[in-house]
Amino acid sequence: MQGATKEELRNEFLKPKVKLERFRKEQHWTTAYMATMIGLKDRRQYELKERGEYPFNDYEMLIIANAFHKQVQDIFFKD
């Protein structure tokens, strides 16, 4: 998205992570487990990220992708 505004990027990337939620539930992993996995102190912080209200950091996306044995783009950027 070359030349995109901050608001356009926010709308593109801060949306609910439906695939991530599906993968998490398939593994029967709780939001508390996911929060601990990526180094968050509170499951609510993770839930806000999964709902698309806050962005995941790049290292968090990498940790999650590795846990699912998938590529980052397959979880976070492809529909």
N, C-alpha and C. Protein backbone atom coordinates (compact mmCIF):
# COMPACT_ATOMS: atom_id res chain seq x y z
N MET A 1 0.84 -1.19 0.00
CA MET A 1 0.00 0.00 0.00
C MET A 1 0.89 1.25 0.00
N GLN A 2 1.57 1.45 -1.07
CA GLN A 2 2.47 2.58 -1.18
C GLN A 2 1.69 3.89 -1.15
N GLY A 3 2.13 4.81 -0.33
CA GLY A 3 1.48 6.10 -0.22
C GLY A 3 0.22 6.10 0.62
N ALA A 4 -0.03 5.02 1.33
CA ALA A 4 -1.23 4.92 2.16
C ALA A 4 -1.10 5.80 3.39
N THR A 5 -2.21 6.32 3.83
CA THR A 5 -2.21 7.12 5.05
C THR A 5 -2.21 6.20 6.26
N LYS A 6 -1.90 6.77 7.40
CA LYS A 6 -1.90 6.01 8.65
C LYS A 6 -3.28 5.41 8.90
N GLU A 7 -4.32 6.15 8.64
CA GLU A 7 -5.69 5.66 8.85
C GLU A 7 -6.01 4.50 7.91
N GLU A 8 -5.56 4.57 6.66
CA GLU A 8 -5.79 3.48 5.72
C GLU A 8 -5.06 2.21 6.17
N LEU A 9 -3.83 2.38 6.62
CA LEU A 9 -3.07 1.24 7.12
C LEU A 9 -3.71 0.65 8.37
N ARG A 10 -4.18 1.51 9.25
CA ARG A 10 -4.84 1.06 10.48
C ARG A 10 -6.08 0.22 10.11
N ASN A 11 -6.86 0.69 9.17
CA ASN A 11 -8.06 -0.04 8.76
C ASN A 11 -7.71 -1.38 8.12
N GLU A 12 -6.59 -1.42 7.41
CA GLU A 12 -6.17 -2.66 6.74
C GLU A 12 -5.64 -3.69 7.74
N PHE A 13 -4.85 -3.26 8.70
CA PHE A 13 -4.15 -4.20 9.56
C PHE A 13 -4.76 -4.38 10.95
N LEU A 14 -5.55 -3.43 11.40
CA LEU A 14 -6.20 -3.58 12.70
C LEU A 14 -7.63 -4.06 12.49
N LYS A 15 -7.74 -5.30 12.14
CA LYS A 15 -9.05 -5.93 12.01
C LYS A 15 -8.98 -7.24 12.78
N PRO A 16 -10.11 -7.78 13.15
CA PRO A 16 -10.09 -9.02 13.94
C PRO A 16 -9.30 -10.12 13.23
N LYS A 17 -8.53 -10.84 14.01
CA LYS A 17 -7.69 -11.93 13.49
C LYS A 17 -8.49 -13.23 13.56
N VAL A 18 -9.40 -13.39 12.63
CA VAL A 18 -10.34 -14.50 12.62
C VAL A 18 -9.61 -15.83 12.44
N LYS A 19 -8.63 -15.86 11.53
CA LYS A 19 -7.89 -17.11 11.33
C LYS A 19 -7.10 -17.48 12.57
N LEU A 20 -6.50 -16.51 13.20
CA LEU A 20 -5.75 -16.77 14.43
C LEU A 20 -6.68 -17.34 15.50
N GLU A 21 -7.84 -16.76 15.66
CA GLU A 21 -8.80 -17.26 16.64
C GLU A 21 -9.20 -18.71 16.31
N ARG A 22 -9.44 -18.98 15.04
CA ARG A 22 -9.81 -20.33 14.63
C ARG A 22 -8.69 -21.33 14.93
N PHE A 23 -7.46 -20.98 14.58
CA PHE A 23 -6.32 -21.87 14.86
C PHE A 23 -6.18 -22.10 16.35
N ARG A 24 -6.33 -21.05 17.13
CA ARG A 24 -6.19 -21.14 18.59
C ARG A 24 -7.25 -22.10 19.16
N LYS A 25 -8.48 -21.94 18.72
CA LYS A 25 -9.56 -22.79 19.22
C LYS A 25 -9.40 -24.24 18.78
N GLU A 26 -8.87 -24.46 17.57
CA GLU A 26 -8.63 -25.83 17.11
C GLU A 26 -7.64 -26.55 18.02
N GLN A 27 -6.69 -25.79 18.57
CA GLN A 27 -5.70 -26.37 19.47
C GLN A 27 -6.18 -26.40 20.92
N HIS A 28 -7.35 -25.82 21.17
CA HIS A 28 -7.90 -25.71 22.52
C HIS A 28 -6.98 -24.88 23.43
N TRP A 29 -6.38 -23.85 22.84
CA TRP A 29 -5.51 -22.95 23.59
C TRP A 29 -6.34 -21.76 24.07
N THR A 30 -6.19 -21.39 25.31
CA THR A 30 -6.91 -20.25 25.87
C THR A 30 -6.21 -18.95 25.52
N THR A 31 -6.93 -17.86 25.70
CA THR A 31 -6.30 -16.56 25.49
C THR A 31 -5.23 -16.32 26.55
N ALA A 32 -5.40 -16.86 27.73
CA ALA A 32 -4.38 -16.74 28.78
C ALA A 32 -3.10 -17.46 28.36
N TYR A 33 -3.26 -18.65 27.77
CA TYR A 33 -2.09 -19.39 27.29
C TYR A 33 -1.37 -18.60 26.20
N MET A 34 -2.13 -18.05 25.26
CA MET A 34 -1.53 -17.28 24.17
C MET A 34 -0.81 -16.04 24.70
N ALA A 35 -1.42 -15.38 25.68
CA ALA A 35 -0.80 -14.21 26.27
C ALA A 35 0.54 -14.57 26.89
N THR A 36 0.57 -15.66 27.64
CA THR A 36 1.82 -16.11 28.26
C THR A 36 2.85 -16.46 27.20
N MET A 37 2.41 -17.11 26.14
CA MET A 37 3.31 -17.52 25.06
C MET A 37 4.06 -16.34 24.46
N ILE A 38 3.37 -15.22 24.30
CA ILE A 38 4.02 -14.06 23.66
C ILE A 38 4.53 -13.04 24.66
N GLY A 39 4.45 -13.37 25.94
CA GLY A 39 5.07 -12.53 26.95
C GLY A 39 4.20 -11.43 27.52
N LEU A 40 2.88 -11.55 27.37
CA LEU A 40 1.98 -10.56 27.95
C LEU A 40 1.60 -11.00 29.36
N LYS A 41 1.36 -10.05 30.22
CA LYS A 41 1.03 -10.36 31.60
C LYS A 41 -0.45 -10.63 31.82
N ASP A 42 -1.27 -10.24 30.86
CA ASP A 42 -2.71 -10.31 31.06
C ASP A 42 -3.38 -10.82 29.79
N ARG A 43 -4.30 -11.75 29.93
CA ARG A 43 -5.02 -12.30 28.78
C ARG A 43 -5.82 -11.24 28.07
N ARG A 44 -6.27 -10.21 28.80
CA ARG A 44 -7.07 -9.16 28.17
C ARG A 44 -6.26 -8.40 27.13
N GLN A 45 -4.97 -8.24 27.38
CA GLN A 45 -4.11 -7.58 26.38
C GLN A 45 -4.12 -8.40 25.09
N TYR A 46 -4.00 -9.71 25.24
CA TYR A 46 -4.01 -10.58 24.06
C TYR A 46 -5.36 -10.50 23.34
N GLU A 47 -6.44 -10.54 24.11
CA GLU A 47 -7.77 -10.50 23.52
C GLU A 47 -7.99 -9.24 22.70
N LEU A 48 -7.48 -8.12 23.17
CA LEU A 48 -7.59 -6.87 22.41
C LEU A 48 -6.85 -6.96 21.09
N LYS A 49 -5.72 -7.63 21.10
CA LYS A 49 -4.95 -7.81 19.87
C LYS A 49 -5.68 -8.75 18.91
N GLU A 50 -6.20 -9.84 19.42
CA GLU A 50 -6.90 -10.79 18.56
C GLU A 50 -8.16 -10.16 17.97
N ARG A 51 -8.80 -9.28 18.71
CA ARG A 51 -10.01 -8.60 18.21
C ARG A 51 -9.68 -7.47 17.25
N GLY A 52 -8.39 -7.16 17.09
CA GLY A 52 -7.98 -6.12 16.15
C GLY A 52 -8.01 -4.72 16.72
N GLU A 53 -8.09 -4.59 18.04
CA GLU A 53 -8.11 -3.26 18.65
C GLU A 53 -6.71 -2.72 18.88
N TYR A 54 -5.72 -3.61 18.98
CA TYR A 54 -4.31 -3.24 19.12
C TYR A 54 -3.50 -4.13 18.20
N PRO A 55 -2.38 -3.63 17.69
CA PRO A 55 -1.58 -4.44 16.77
C PRO A 55 -0.70 -5.45 17.50
N PHE A 56 -0.42 -6.55 16.83
CA PHE A 56 0.58 -7.49 17.30
C PHE A 56 1.95 -6.94 16.91
N ASN A 57 2.93 -7.10 17.78
CA ASN A 57 4.31 -6.76 17.43
C ASN A 57 4.86 -7.84 16.51
N ASP A 58 5.89 -7.49 15.75
CA ASP A 58 6.45 -8.46 14.80
C ASP A 58 6.96 -9.71 15.49
N TYR A 59 7.59 -9.57 16.64
CA TYR A 59 8.11 -10.76 17.33
C TYR A 59 6.97 -11.61 17.89
N GLU A 60 5.84 -10.99 18.26
CA GLU A 60 4.69 -11.75 18.73
C GLU A 60 4.11 -12.59 17.59
N MET A 61 4.02 -11.98 16.40
CA MET A 61 3.51 -12.72 15.25
C MET A 61 4.41 -13.89 14.91
N LEU A 62 5.72 -13.71 15.03
CA LEU A 62 6.66 -14.78 14.74
C LEU A 62 6.54 -15.92 15.75
N ILE A 63 6.41 -15.60 17.03
CA ILE A 63 6.24 -16.61 18.06
C ILE A 63 4.97 -17.43 17.80
N ILE A 64 3.89 -16.73 17.49
CA ILE A 64 2.61 -17.41 17.23
C ILE A 64 2.69 -18.29 15.99
N ALA A 65 3.26 -17.76 14.92
CA ALA A 65 3.38 -18.53 13.68
C ALA A 65 4.21 -19.79 13.92
N ASN A 66 5.29 -19.67 14.66
CA ASN A 66 6.12 -20.84 14.95
C ASN A 66 5.35 -21.87 15.78
N ALA A 67 4.56 -21.42 16.72
CA ALA A 67 3.78 -22.33 17.56
C ALA A 67 2.77 -23.12 16.72
N PHE A 68 2.23 -22.50 15.69
CA PHE A 68 1.26 -23.16 14.82
C PHE A 68 1.91 -23.85 13.62
N HIS A 69 3.24 -23.72 13.49
CA HIS A 69 3.98 -24.29 12.36
C HIS A 69 3.44 -23.74 11.05
N LYS A 70 3.24 -22.42 11.02
CA LYS A 70 2.72 -21.74 9.84
C LYS A 70 3.56 -20.49 9.58
N GLN A 71 3.37 -19.91 8.42
CA GLN A 71 4.02 -18.65 8.07
C GLN A 71 3.23 -17.49 8.66
N VAL A 72 3.92 -16.42 9.03
CA VAL A 72 3.27 -15.25 9.61
C VAL A 72 2.18 -14.73 8.67
N GLN A 73 2.49 -14.62 7.39
CA GLN A 73 1.51 -14.06 6.46
C GLN A 73 0.27 -14.93 6.35
N ASP A 74 0.40 -16.23 6.54
CA ASP A 74 -0.75 -17.12 6.44
C ASP A 74 -1.74 -16.91 7.59
N ILE A 75 -1.25 -16.47 8.72
CA ILE A 75 -2.12 -16.24 9.88
C ILE A 75 -2.62 -14.81 9.92
N PHE A 76 -1.74 -13.86 9.67
CA PHE A 76 -2.06 -12.46 9.93
C PHE A 76 -2.42 -11.63 8.69
N PHE A 77 -2.00 -12.03 7.50
CA PHE A 77 -2.16 -11.15 6.36
C PHE A 77 -2.95 -11.71 5.19
N LYS A 78 -3.18 -13.01 5.14
CA LYS A 78 -3.96 -13.58 4.05
C LYS A 78 -5.36 -13.88 4.55
N ASP A 79 -6.33 -13.64 3.70
CA ASP A 79 -7.72 -13.91 4.07
C ASP A 79 -8.07 -15.36 3.92
